[in-house]
Amino acid sequence: MTRQEEDEATPMRVISVSPDSVTTTPNATMTGLASPSRGSSELSTWRVDMPAEATGPEHSVSREQVWTVTTGSLEVTCGGRTERVATGQTLVLPPDVPRTISAPGRFEAHVAMRADAVVTVTGAEGTRELPWAR
């Protein structure tokens, strides 16, 4: 089997970060890693970098999310419960439950979820996609 035949037979992908993969909002910077637009067929992964004292809006996501904190710690309120998640810990957030994520100090985390999720922001009409996850 030639190298080209091996490459065609193995649907493995190596994904590099580019400037197009980065989305900055008033609360955080998300760097898209894997997603359907980057070669993954089912999952999306991204890195979140949230500065100290930032808080995201209350929202819910239609799919389960898994957050692994790689630097610092975050605070999350979900389903009436508040937890601090520190470096090396992993947080599993259920689908369709409102949550708020905040940064007591700067944190970074890797997030994974199914690629077809949509977000509902509390008090806003309709749903929206996460551009870094598409």
Protein backbone atom coordinates (compact mmCIF):
# COMPACT_ATOMS: atom_id res chain seq x y z
CA MET A 1 0.00 0.00 0.00
CA THR A 2 1.37 3.42 -0.95
CA ARG A 3 1.52 6.34 1.48
CA GLN A 4 -1.36 8.02 -0.37
CA GLU A 5 -3.48 4.86 -0.12
CA GLU A 6 -2.70 4.64 3.61
CA ASP A 7 -3.72 8.30 4.11
CA GLU A 8 -7.00 7.73 2.26
CA ALA A 9 -7.70 4.53 4.22
CA THR A 10 -7.12 6.18 7.61
CA PRO A 11 -9.51 9.09 8.22
CA MET A 12 -7.26 10.53 10.91
CA ARG A 13 -6.98 14.32 11.08
CA VAL A 14 -4.43 16.64 12.64
CA ILE A 15 -5.92 20.06 13.41
CA SER A 16 -3.90 23.22 13.93
CA VAL A 17 -5.15 26.40 15.60
CA SER A 18 -5.45 29.41 13.31
CA PRO A 19 -6.63 33.00 13.86
CA ASP A 20 -10.02 31.93 12.43
CA SER A 21 -10.37 29.47 15.35
CA VAL A 22 -10.36 32.22 17.99
CA THR A 23 -13.51 34.00 19.20
CA THR A 24 -13.28 36.76 21.79
CA THR A 25 -16.37 37.87 23.70
CA PRO A 26 -16.66 40.45 26.50
CA ASN A 27 -16.24 37.59 29.03
CA ALA A 28 -13.69 35.17 27.58
CA THR A 29 -11.66 33.98 24.62
CA MET A 30 -12.56 30.63 23.07
CA THR A 31 -10.10 28.85 20.83
CA GLY A 32 -11.75 26.18 18.71
CA LEU A 33 -9.81 22.94 18.53
CA ALA A 34 -11.88 20.14 16.98
CA SER A 35 -15.28 20.70 15.35
CA PRO A 36 -17.12 19.66 12.19
CA SER A 37 -15.72 22.66 10.29
CA ARG A 38 -12.21 21.53 11.31
CA GLY A 39 -12.58 17.80 10.59
CA SER A 40 -14.41 16.20 13.55
CA SER A 41 -17.69 14.56 12.68
CA GLU A 42 -19.33 14.30 16.12
CA LEU A 43 -17.50 16.29 18.79
CA SER A 44 -16.35 19.82 19.43
CA THR A 45 -13.51 20.78 21.73
CA TRP A 46 -12.20 24.20 22.59
CA ARG A 47 -10.08 26.11 25.07
CA VAL A 48 -11.61 28.83 27.26
CA ASP A 49 -9.45 31.62 28.68
CA MET A 50 -11.45 33.79 31.10
CA PRO A 51 -9.87 36.78 32.85
CA ALA A 52 -10.17 37.37 36.59
CA GLU A 53 -13.50 38.76 37.78
CA ALA A 54 -15.31 37.93 34.51
CA THR A 55 -18.73 36.26 34.54
CA GLY A 56 -20.55 34.81 31.58
CA PRO A 57 -24.30 35.22 31.10
CA GLU A 58 -26.71 32.69 32.59
CA HIS A 59 -27.41 30.20 29.82
CA SER A 60 -28.20 26.57 29.10
CA VAL A 61 -26.72 24.25 26.49
CA SER A 62 -28.70 21.50 24.77
CA ARG A 63 -25.91 18.93 25.21
CA GLU A 64 -23.74 17.74 28.08
CA GLN A 65 -20.44 19.59 28.40
CA VAL A 66 -17.21 18.37 30.00
CA TRP A 67 -14.84 21.08 31.31
CA THR A 68 -11.29 20.27 32.45
CA VAL A 69 -9.59 23.18 34.20
CA THR A 70 -5.94 23.45 33.15
CA THR A 71 -5.01 26.74 34.90
CA GLY A 72 -6.59 28.56 37.84
CA SER A 73 -10.13 27.82 38.98
CA LEU A 74 -13.66 28.65 37.95
CA GLU A 75 -16.93 28.96 39.81
CA VAL A 76 -20.07 27.51 38.33
CA THR A 77 -23.65 27.81 39.49
CA CYS A 78 -25.88 25.16 37.95
CA GLY A 79 -29.23 23.90 39.11
CA GLY A 80 -29.10 26.01 42.27
CA ARG A 81 -25.71 24.66 43.35
CA THR A 82 -22.38 26.53 43.25
CA GLU A 83 -19.02 24.76 42.98
CA ARG A 84 -15.42 25.84 42.58
CA VAL A 85 -13.48 23.72 40.09
CA ALA A 86 -9.69 23.91 40.34
CA THR A 87 -6.74 23.03 38.12
CA GLY A 88 -6.77 19.34 37.29
CA GLN A 89 -10.45 18.87 38.11
CA THR A 90 -13.15 18.07 35.57
CA LEU A 91 -16.70 19.40 35.63
CA VAL A 92 -19.58 17.66 33.86
CA LEU A 93 -22.49 20.00 33.13
CA PRO A 94 -25.86 18.45 32.27
CA PRO A 95 -27.83 19.56 29.23
CA ASP A 96 -30.67 22.07 29.42
CA VAL A 97 -29.93 23.31 32.95
CA PRO A 98 -29.17 27.04 33.37
CA ARG A 99 -25.61 27.75 34.46
CA THR A 100 -23.35 30.71 35.10
CA ILE A 101 -19.57 30.42 34.92
CA SER A 102 -17.28 32.97 36.52
CA ALA A 103 -13.59 33.47 37.17
CA PRO A 104 -12.50 34.40 40.70
CA GLY A 105 -9.02 34.60 39.13
CA ARG A 106 -8.00 33.97 35.52
CA PHE A 107 -8.61 30.40 34.41
CA GLU A 108 -8.14 28.22 31.36
CA ALA A 109 -10.13 25.09 30.60
CA HIS A 110 -10.62 22.58 27.80
CA VAL A 111 -14.27 21.89 26.95
CA ALA A 112 -15.81 18.99 25.01
CA MET A 113 -19.38 18.38 23.83
CA ARG A 114 -21.39 16.99 20.93
CA ALA A 115 -21.08 19.30 17.96
CA ASP A 116 -24.81 19.80 17.42
CA ALA A 117 -25.51 21.76 20.62
CA VAL A 118 -27.31 25.08 20.76
CA VAL A 119 -27.35 27.66 23.57
CA THR A 120 -30.25 29.50 25.17
CA VAL A 121 -29.37 32.68 27.08
CA THR A 122 -31.71 33.38 30.00
CA GLY A 123 -34.00 36.29 29.11
CA ALA A 124 -33.22 36.18 25.38
CA GLU A 125 -35.44 34.75 22.67
CA GLY A 126 -34.42 31.77 20.58
CA THR A 127 -31.27 29.70 20.49
CA ARG A 128 -27.83 30.29 19.05
CA GLU A 129 -24.90 28.21 17.94
CA LEU A 130 -21.45 28.41 19.47
CA PRO A 131 -19.25 29.57 16.56
CA TRP A 132 -16.10 27.98 18.06
CA ALA A 133 -17.90 24.60 18.25
CA ARG A 134 -19.15 24.43 14.63
